[in-house]
Every structure is written in structure tokens, then in C-alpha cells.
């Protein structure tokens, strides 16, 4: 089981275990230390590349001993997996767990809402998501974490498109098409210069991404019959 899958399962168990416990009573000293470690990685990624982070550096920033770090995480990658898992949870909430188009919602509005939700997640988790997306090509463990994240998103999008009677995908290979669109969206939201250009307003690129989703999945038809 990958670090990302472990993080996802752990998050679900934690959520179930605290449902009936009020306020601060649910937050033990251990919870606070674990949260401090996650926050430390977020903060350090604002000034350093993930490859330059060490457990000692993270522990010092979090105010915990190295032994304390290893009580909660087996590596810095495990912390990163938790952050990416949290980002997926946020995306689930914003998209109502990738619910199909709402009644009266046009494909153009739907594409805008979905890409907008992804943009919100990338922005609220910046620079973590940006750093992870761009580091995939050089770091195998980060690539595994991000591939797990992307596979989960792709499976959910493929499912909702298959439920949409108005969808007109440009190919019968829907998983491959959605994977291509998802990867393009991620690189665009990471402000990779190959996708948004240099010294260019990224909003322009995001508008193009919305149009790509619309044309690739609905044939550019903003008002299908169903």
C-alpha cells in the first residue's frame, strides 16, 4: 500500500473516531504535534525545495524531537502524502464528491466549476501541490504519491462523465482522455511555464483549460439536449 493510500485510510479513521467528541477534547497533545509537523513541511516548502528538507529540519521547525517525528511518520514523504490526501479531501468537498452536473447546469458552467474547484485546492495548498506536480519527473516517491492522487481523481471524473447523457467525448477511450485533461490542468495550475508561458497571466491559461474540458467531453456544445 502506498503512502498516499495509508494517509487516505488514516484520515478516514481519524474522522470517524472524533465525530462524537466535542471541541478541544478531541485534540490530544499527539494530535497537536502531528499537526505541527505537517504545518512545518508546508511552511518550509515556501522557502525550500522538498529535496532539501531533512527530518531534522522539519522536527526543529515543528518543535518536536526527531524521535517524535518518527512516532507519527516514517519519512518526510509520509508527511507529504498526508498533505496531498488532505488536498483530495478538500477537492471532494468542493465538488460534492465529484457529483454529476446539476439540473439546469450547462457543460460550460460545469467545466468552469470543476476547474475552479481544482484551482482553489491548488491555491490553498500552494506551494505544496505546485512543488509536488513539478517534482514528479525527478523524484520517484513524489511521482507515486501524485499518481495515486491523480488516479483517484481520474476514476471519479470518468464515472461522472459516463453518467452524463449529454457527454460527447472525442474518443471512446475515456480514461486516457480524462488523464490527459487532468495532467494538463495540474501543470497549468502549477504555473509551469510550458503551459502558462513566461510572465503571462495564468488566468488566460485556465480559461483555455476550461474550454479543453468542454470541447473534449461535450464536443464544445454548451447546451446539450440532456
C-alpha atoms as a PDB file:
ATOM      1  CA  UNK A   1       0.000   0.000   0.000  1.00  0.00           C
ATOM      2  CA  UNK A   2       1.409   3.418  -0.954  1.00  0.00           C
ATOM      3  CA  UNK A   3       1.999   6.338   1.433  1.00  0.00           C
ATOM      4  CA  UNK A   4      -0.939   8.159  -0.148  1.00  0.00           C
ATOM      5  CA  UNK A   5      -3.317   5.231   0.400  1.00  0.00           C
ATOM      6  CA  UNK A   6      -2.162   4.897   4.009  1.00  0.00           C
ATOM      7  CA  UNK A   7      -2.776   8.617   4.530  1.00  0.00           C
ATOM      8  CA  UNK A   8      -6.255   8.379   2.999  1.00  0.00           C
ATOM      9  CA  UNK A   9      -7.241   5.465   5.217  1.00  0.00           C
ATOM     10  CA  UNK A  10      -5.748   7.125   8.280  1.00  0.00           C
ATOM     11  CA  UNK A  11      -7.681  10.325   7.626  1.00  0.00           C
ATOM     12  CA  UNK A  12     -10.953   8.415   7.346  1.00  0.00           C
ATOM     13  CA  UNK A  13     -10.320   6.551  10.613  1.00  0.00           C
ATOM     14  CA  UNK A  14      -9.399   9.792  12.400  1.00  0.00           C
ATOM     15  CA  UNK A  15     -12.572  11.484  11.155  1.00  0.00           C
ATOM     16  CA  UNK A  16     -14.749   8.600  12.358  1.00  0.00           C
ATOM     17  CA  UNK A  17     -13.088   8.447  15.767  1.00  0.00           C
ATOM     18  CA  UNK A  18     -13.668  12.133  16.629  1.00  0.00           C
ATOM     19  CA  UNK A  19     -17.214  12.576  15.335  1.00  0.00           C
ATOM     20  CA  UNK A  20     -18.795  12.388  18.787  1.00  0.00           C
ATOM     21  CA  UNK A  21     -16.031  14.184  20.719  1.00  0.00           C
ATOM     22  CA  UNK A  22     -16.508  17.926  21.284  1.00  0.00           C
ATOM     23  CA  UNK A  23     -14.036  20.771  20.643  1.00  0.00           C
ATOM     24  CA  UNK A  24     -10.601  20.778  22.202  1.00  0.00           C
ATOM     25  CA  UNK A  25     -11.250  17.497  23.997  1.00  0.00           C
ATOM     26  CA  UNK A  26     -10.691  15.679  20.715  1.00  0.00           C
ATOM     27  CA  UNK A  27      -7.266  17.246  20.197  1.00  0.00           C
ATOM     28  CA  UNK A  28      -4.643  15.410  22.216  1.00  0.00           C
ATOM     29  CA  UNK A  29      -1.051  16.520  22.597  1.00  0.00           C
ATOM     30  CA  UNK A  30      -0.198  13.924  19.965  1.00  0.00           C
ATOM     31  CA  UNK A  31      -2.693  15.458  17.527  1.00  0.00           C
ATOM     32  CA  UNK A  32      -1.095  18.860  18.021  1.00  0.00           C
ATOM     33  CA  UNK A  33       2.414  17.513  17.475  1.00  0.00           C
ATOM     34  CA  UNK A  34       1.360  15.683  14.324  1.00  0.00           C
ATOM     35  CA  UNK A  35      -0.339  18.827  13.023  1.00  0.00           C
ATOM     36  CA  UNK A  36       2.775  20.844  13.877  1.00  0.00           C
ATOM     37  CA  UNK A  37       4.889  18.517  11.727  1.00  0.00           C
ATOM     38  CA  UNK A  38       2.518  18.832   8.786  1.00  0.00           C
ATOM     39  CA  UNK A  39       2.442  22.626   9.183  1.00  0.00           C
ATOM     40  CA  UNK A  40       6.236  22.720   9.354  1.00  0.00           C
ATOM     41  CA  UNK A  41       6.538  20.968   5.992  1.00  0.00           C
ATOM     42  CA  UNK A  42       4.029  23.381   4.462  1.00  0.00           C
ATOM     43  CA  UNK A  43       5.971  26.365   5.785  1.00  0.00           C
ATOM     44  CA  UNK A  44       9.382  25.053   4.775  1.00  0.00           C
ATOM     45  CA  UNK A  45       8.210  24.365   1.229  1.00  0.00           C
ATOM     46  CA  UNK A  46       7.603  28.089   0.845  1.00  0.00           C
ATOM     47  CA  UNK A  47      11.357  28.685   1.018  1.00  0.00           C
ATOM     48  CA  UNK A  48      12.994  25.350   0.155  1.00  0.00           C
ATOM     49  CA  UNK A  49      12.647  22.531  -2.347  1.00  0.00           C
ATOM     50  CA  UNK A  50      11.304  19.280  -0.918  1.00  0.00           C
ATOM     51  CA  UNK A  51      14.569  17.532  -1.826  1.00  0.00           C
ATOM     52  CA  UNK A  52      16.387  19.924   0.519  1.00  0.00           C
ATOM     53  CA  UNK A  53      14.195  19.149   3.529  1.00  0.00           C
ATOM     54  CA  UNK A  54      15.513  16.810   6.215  1.00  0.00           C
ATOM     55  CA  UNK A  55      13.735  15.194   9.139  1.00  0.00           C
ATOM     56  CA  UNK A  56      15.927  17.209  11.500  1.00  0.00           C
ATOM     57  CA  UNK A  57      14.945  20.454   9.778  1.00  0.00           C
ATOM     58  CA  UNK A  58      11.247  19.575   9.874  1.00  0.00           C
ATOM     59  CA  UNK A  59      11.416  18.483  13.525  1.00  0.00           C
ATOM     60  CA  UNK A  60      13.164  21.681  14.574  1.00  0.00           C
ATOM     61  CA  UNK A  61      10.600  23.805  12.766  1.00  0.00           C
ATOM     62  CA  UNK A  62       7.740  21.832  14.341  1.00  0.00           C
ATOM     63  CA  UNK A  63       9.268  21.983  17.826  1.00  0.00           C
ATOM     64  CA  UNK A  64       9.388  18.217  18.269  1.00  0.00           C
ATOM     65  CA  UNK A  65      12.240  15.757  18.733  1.00  0.00           C
ATOM     66  CA  UNK A  66      13.393  13.539  15.850  1.00  0.00           C
ATOM     67  CA  UNK A  67      12.033  10.584  17.800  1.00  0.00           C
ATOM     68  CA  UNK A  68       8.716  12.430  17.993  1.00  0.00           C
ATOM     69  CA  UNK A  69       8.702  12.828  14.228  1.00  0.00           C
ATOM     70  CA  UNK A  70       9.234   9.104  13.683  1.00  0.00           C
ATOM     71  CA  UNK A  71       6.460   8.290  16.143  1.00  0.00           C
ATOM     72  CA  UNK A  72       3.971   9.814  13.668  1.00  0.00           C
ATOM     73  CA  UNK A  73       5.690   9.447  10.285  1.00  0.00           C
ATOM     74  CA  UNK A  74       8.203   7.019   8.840  1.00  0.00           C
ATOM     75  CA  UNK A  75       9.659   9.584   6.436  1.00  0.00           C
ATOM     76  CA  UNK A  76       9.200  13.089   5.089  1.00  0.00           C
ATOM     77  CA  UNK A  77       7.326  11.525   2.177  1.00  0.00           C
ATOM     78  CA  UNK A  78       4.682  10.231   4.580  1.00  0.00           C
ATOM     79  CA  UNK A  79       4.053  13.839   5.671  1.00  0.00           C
ATOM     80  CA  UNK A  80       3.743  14.894   2.054  1.00  0.00           C
ATOM     81  CA  UNK A  81       1.253  12.084   1.432  1.00  0.00           C
ATOM     82  CA  UNK A  82      -0.927  13.393   4.270  1.00  0.00           C
ATOM     83  CA  UNK A  83      -0.905  16.902   2.785  1.00  0.00           C
ATOM     84  CA  UNK A  84      -1.842  15.596  -0.673  1.00  0.00           C
ATOM     85  CA  UNK A  85      -4.567  13.416   0.862  1.00  0.00           C
ATOM     86  CA  UNK A  86      -5.959  16.486   2.645  1.00  0.00           C
ATOM     87  CA  UNK A  87      -5.987  18.309  -0.694  1.00  0.00           C
ATOM     88  CA  UNK A  88      -8.035  15.490  -2.237  1.00  0.00           C
ATOM     89  CA  UNK A  89     -10.474  15.676   0.680  1.00  0.00           C
ATOM     90  CA  UNK A  90     -10.833  19.395   0.019  1.00  0.00           C
ATOM     91  CA  UNK A  91     -11.456  18.735  -3.678  1.00  0.00           C
ATOM     92  CA  UNK A  92     -14.080  16.117  -2.761  1.00  0.00           C
ATOM     93  CA  UNK A  93     -15.924  18.673  -0.638  1.00  0.00           C
ATOM     94  CA  UNK A  94     -15.786  21.437  -3.240  1.00  0.00           C
ATOM     95  CA  UNK A  95     -17.119  19.145  -5.970  1.00  0.00           C
ATOM     96  CA  UNK A  96     -19.616  17.386  -3.659  1.00  0.00           C
ATOM     97  CA  UNK A  97     -17.606  14.183  -4.141  1.00  0.00           C
ATOM     98  CA  UNK A  98     -17.495  14.739  -7.905  1.00  0.00           C
ATOM     99  CA  UNK A  99     -21.260  14.814  -8.283  1.00  0.00           C
ATOM    100  CA  UNK A 100     -22.670  14.914 -11.854  1.00  0.00           C
ATOM    101  CA  UNK A 101     -23.920  18.102 -13.466  1.00  0.00           C
ATOM    102  CA  UNK A 102     -26.701  19.724 -11.524  1.00  0.00           C
ATOM    103  CA  UNK A 103     -30.153  20.196 -13.050  1.00  0.00           C
ATOM    104  CA  UNK A 104     -30.007  23.169 -15.402  1.00  0.00           C
ATOM    105  CA  UNK A 105     -26.207  23.378 -15.233  1.00  0.00           C
ATOM    106  CA  UNK A 106     -24.679  23.660 -18.698  1.00  0.00           C
ATOM    107  CA  UNK A 107     -21.485  21.759 -19.619  1.00  0.00           C
ATOM    108  CA  UNK A 108     -19.659  25.116 -19.818  1.00  0.00           C
ATOM    109  CA  UNK A 109     -20.766  26.012 -16.292  1.00  0.00           C
ATOM    110  CA  UNK A 110     -19.854  22.540 -15.074  1.00  0.00           C
ATOM    111  CA  UNK A 111     -16.378  22.663 -16.650  1.00  0.00           C
ATOM    112  CA  UNK A 112     -15.810  26.096 -15.132  1.00  0.00           C
ATOM    113  CA  UNK A 113     -16.925  24.903 -11.702  1.00  0.00           C
ATOM    114  CA  UNK A 114     -14.761  21.783 -11.752  1.00  0.00           C
ATOM    115  CA  UNK A 115     -11.628  23.558 -12.979  1.00  0.00           C
ATOM    116  CA  UNK A 116     -12.355  26.350 -10.498  1.00  0.00           C
ATOM    117  CA  UNK A 117     -12.535  23.819  -7.656  1.00  0.00           C
ATOM    118  CA  UNK A 118      -9.174  22.376  -8.669  1.00  0.00           C
ATOM    119  CA  UNK A 119      -7.711  25.891  -8.860  1.00  0.00           C
ATOM    120  CA  UNK A 120      -8.967  26.610  -5.330  1.00  0.00           C
ATOM    121  CA  UNK A 121      -7.327  23.443  -3.991  1.00  0.00           C
ATOM    122  CA  UNK A 122      -4.018  24.243  -5.690  1.00  0.00           C
ATOM    123  CA  UNK A 123      -4.129  27.821  -4.383  1.00  0.00           C
ATOM    124  CA  UNK A 124      -4.995  26.873  -0.794  1.00  0.00           C
ATOM    125  CA  UNK A 125      -2.275  24.212  -0.755  1.00  0.00           C
ATOM    126  CA  UNK A 126       0.348  26.287  -2.534  1.00  0.00           C
ATOM    127  CA  UNK A 127       3.279  25.744  -2.723  1.00  0.00           C
ATOM    128  CA  UNK A 128       2.859  22.066  -1.811  1.00  0.00           C
ATOM    129  CA  UNK A 129       0.752  20.998  -4.801  1.00  0.00           C
ATOM    130  CA  UNK A 130       2.847  23.080  -7.155  1.00  0.00           C
ATOM    131  CA  UNK A 131       6.080  21.610  -5.793  1.00  0.00           C
ATOM    132  CA  UNK A 132       4.746  18.049  -5.970  1.00  0.00           C
ATOM    133  CA  UNK A 133       3.431  18.406  -9.511  1.00  0.00           C
ATOM    134  CA  UNK A 134       6.680  19.851 -10.809  1.00  0.00           C
ATOM    135  CA  UNK A 135       8.895  17.365  -8.907  1.00  0.00           C
ATOM    136  CA  UNK A 136       7.203  14.258 -10.330  1.00  0.00           C
ATOM    137  CA  UNK A 137       9.698  13.910 -13.150  1.00  0.00           C
ATOM    138  CA  UNK A 138      12.722  13.838 -10.854  1.00  0.00           C
ATOM    139  CA  UNK A 139      11.502  12.161  -7.654  1.00  0.00           C
ATOM    140  CA  UNK A 140      10.050   8.642  -7.865  1.00  0.00           C
ATOM    141  CA  UNK A 141       8.371   8.746  -4.436  1.00  0.00           C
ATOM    142  CA  UNK A 142       6.659  12.052  -5.138  1.00  0.00           C
ATOM    143  CA  UNK A 143       5.602  10.674  -8.521  1.00  0.00           C
ATOM    144  CA  UNK A 144       3.975   7.704  -6.769  1.00  0.00           C
ATOM    145  CA  UNK A 145       2.103   9.980  -4.340  1.00  0.00           C
ATOM    146  CA  UNK A 146       0.876  12.252  -7.129  1.00  0.00           C
ATOM    147  CA  UNK A 147      -0.018   9.317  -9.391  1.00  0.00           C
ATOM    148  CA  UNK A 148      -2.212   7.915  -6.622  1.00  0.00           C
ATOM    149  CA  UNK A 149      -3.849  11.323  -6.219  1.00  0.00           C
ATOM    150  CA  UNK A 150      -4.411  11.681  -9.965  1.00  0.00           C
ATOM    151  CA  UNK A 151      -5.706   8.118 -10.369  1.00  0.00           C
ATOM    152  CA  UNK A 152      -8.326   8.751  -7.689  1.00  0.00           C
ATOM    153  CA  UNK A 153      -9.441  11.992  -9.339  1.00  0.00           C
ATOM    154  CA  UNK A 154      -9.485  10.432 -12.823  1.00  0.00           C
ATOM    155  CA  UNK A 155     -11.609   7.469 -11.708  1.00  0.00           C
ATOM    156  CA  UNK A 156     -14.186   9.820 -10.186  1.00  0.00           C
ATOM    157  CA  UNK A 157     -14.332  12.095 -13.240  1.00  0.00           C
ATOM    158  CA  UNK A 158     -14.665   9.137 -15.634  1.00  0.00           C
ATOM    159  CA  UNK A 159     -17.558   7.879 -13.532  1.00  0.00           C
ATOM    160  CA  UNK A 160     -19.450  11.175 -13.565  1.00  0.00           C
ATOM    161  CA  UNK A 161     -18.925  11.717 -17.316  1.00  0.00           C
ATOM    162  CA  UNK A 162     -20.301   8.231 -18.019  1.00  0.00           C
ATOM    163  CA  UNK A 163     -23.423   9.209 -16.085  1.00  0.00           C
ATOM    164  CA  UNK A 164     -23.891  12.332 -18.226  1.00  0.00           C
ATOM    165  CA  UNK A 165     -26.213  11.543 -21.133  1.00  0.00           C
ATOM    166  CA  UNK A 166     -25.221  14.819 -22.790  1.00  0.00           C
ATOM    167  CA  UNK A 167     -21.498  13.991 -22.881  1.00  0.00           C
ATOM    168  CA  UNK A 168     -19.922  13.637 -26.328  1.00  0.00           C
ATOM    169  CA  UNK A 169     -16.265  12.687 -25.673  1.00  0.00           C
ATOM    170  CA  UNK A 170     -13.902  12.983 -28.624  1.00  0.00           C
ATOM    171  CA  UNK A 171     -12.685   9.396 -28.105  1.00  0.00           C
ATOM    172  CA  UNK A 172     -14.074   6.127 -26.778  1.00  0.00           C
ATOM    173  CA  UNK A 173     -11.003   5.818 -24.548  1.00  0.00           C
ATOM    174  CA  UNK A 174     -12.457   7.999 -21.811  1.00  0.00           C
ATOM    175  CA  UNK A 175      -9.881   7.157 -19.086  1.00  0.00           C
ATOM    176  CA  UNK A 176      -6.999   8.155 -21.377  1.00  0.00           C
ATOM    177  CA  UNK A 177      -8.778  11.366 -22.370  1.00  0.00           C
ATOM    178  CA  UNK A 178      -9.536  12.342 -18.774  1.00  0.00           C
ATOM    179  CA  UNK A 179      -5.959  11.525 -17.748  1.00  0.00           C
ATOM    180  CA  UNK A 180      -4.638  13.865 -20.432  1.00  0.00           C
ATOM    181  CA  UNK A 181      -7.027  16.635 -19.370  1.00  0.00           C
ATOM    182  CA  UNK A 182      -6.206  16.125 -15.681  1.00  0.00           C
ATOM    183  CA  UNK A 183      -2.455  16.263 -16.288  1.00  0.00           C
ATOM    184  CA  UNK A 184      -2.824  19.415 -18.395  1.00  0.00           C
ATOM    185  CA  UNK A 185      -4.942  21.017 -15.686  1.00  0.00           C
ATOM    186  CA  UNK A 186      -2.435  20.145 -12.949  1.00  0.00           C
ATOM    187  CA  UNK A 187       0.533  21.543 -14.865  1.00  0.00           C
ATOM    188  CA  UNK A 188      -1.412  24.694 -15.715  1.00  0.00           C
ATOM    189  CA  UNK A 189      -2.485  25.255 -12.109  1.00  0.00           C
ATOM    190  CA  UNK A 190       1.135  24.701 -11.058  1.00  0.00           C
ATOM    191  CA  UNK A 191       2.018  27.658 -13.328  1.00  0.00           C
ATOM    192  CA  UNK A 192       4.506  25.588 -15.291  1.00  0.00           C
ATOM    193  CA  UNK A 193       5.916  27.956 -17.910  1.00  0.00           C
ATOM    194  CA  UNK A 194       5.496  25.313 -20.605  1.00  0.00           C
ATOM    195  CA  UNK A 195       1.744  25.578 -20.099  1.00  0.00           C
ATOM    196  CA  UNK A 196       1.153  29.165 -18.990  1.00  0.00           C
ATOM    197  CA  UNK A 197       4.124  30.896 -20.607  1.00  0.00           C
ATOM    198  CA  UNK A 198       6.628  33.251 -19.040  1.00  0.00           C
ATOM    199  CA  UNK A 199       5.394  36.449 -17.412  1.00  0.00           C
ATOM    200  CA  UNK A 200       1.879  35.626 -18.593  1.00  0.00           C
ATOM    201  CA  UNK A 201      -1.352  35.954 -16.650  1.00  0.00           C
ATOM    202  CA  UNK A 202      -2.204  32.321 -15.674  1.00  0.00           C
ATOM    203  CA  UNK A 203      -5.923  33.183 -15.781  1.00  0.00           C
ATOM    204  CA  UNK A 204      -5.699  33.120 -19.577  1.00  0.00           C
ATOM    205  CA  UNK A 205      -4.352  29.572 -19.486  1.00  0.00           C
ATOM    206  CA  UNK A 206      -7.048  28.463 -17.039  1.00  0.00           C
ATOM    207  CA  UNK A 207      -9.709  29.779 -19.413  1.00  0.00           C
ATOM    208  CA  UNK A 208      -8.184  27.636 -22.163  1.00  0.00           C
ATOM    209  CA  UNK A 209      -8.193  24.598 -19.845  1.00  0.00           C
ATOM    210  CA  UNK A 210     -11.922  25.074 -19.215  1.00  0.00           C
ATOM    211  CA  UNK A 211     -12.502  25.150 -22.965  1.00  0.00           C
ATOM    212  CA  UNK A 212     -10.412  21.995 -23.405  1.00  0.00           C
ATOM    213  CA  UNK A 213     -12.637  20.120 -20.948  1.00  0.00           C
ATOM    214  CA  UNK A 214     -15.772  21.445 -22.626  1.00  0.00           C
ATOM    215  CA  UNK A 215     -14.693  20.554 -26.160  1.00  0.00           C
ATOM    216  CA  UNK A 216     -13.107  17.212 -25.278  1.00  0.00           C
ATOM    217  CA  UNK A 217     -16.057  15.887 -23.267  1.00  0.00           C
ATOM    218  CA  UNK A 218     -19.073  17.697 -24.712  1.00  0.00           C
ATOM    219  CA  UNK A 219     -17.903  18.481 -28.227  1.00  0.00           C
ATOM    220  CA  UNK A 220     -17.971  22.202 -27.443  1.00  0.00           C
ATOM    221  CA  UNK A 221     -21.733  22.054 -27.043  1.00  0.00           C
ATOM    222  CA  UNK A 222     -22.575  24.345 -24.139  1.00  0.00           C
ATOM    223  CA  UNK A 223     -26.289  23.454 -24.123  1.00  0.00           C
ATOM    224  CA  UNK A 224     -26.766  19.732 -24.901  1.00  0.00           C
ATOM    225  CA  UNK A 225     -30.243  18.272 -25.121  1.00  0.00           C
ATOM    226  CA  UNK A 226     -29.750  16.222 -21.960  1.00  0.00           C
END
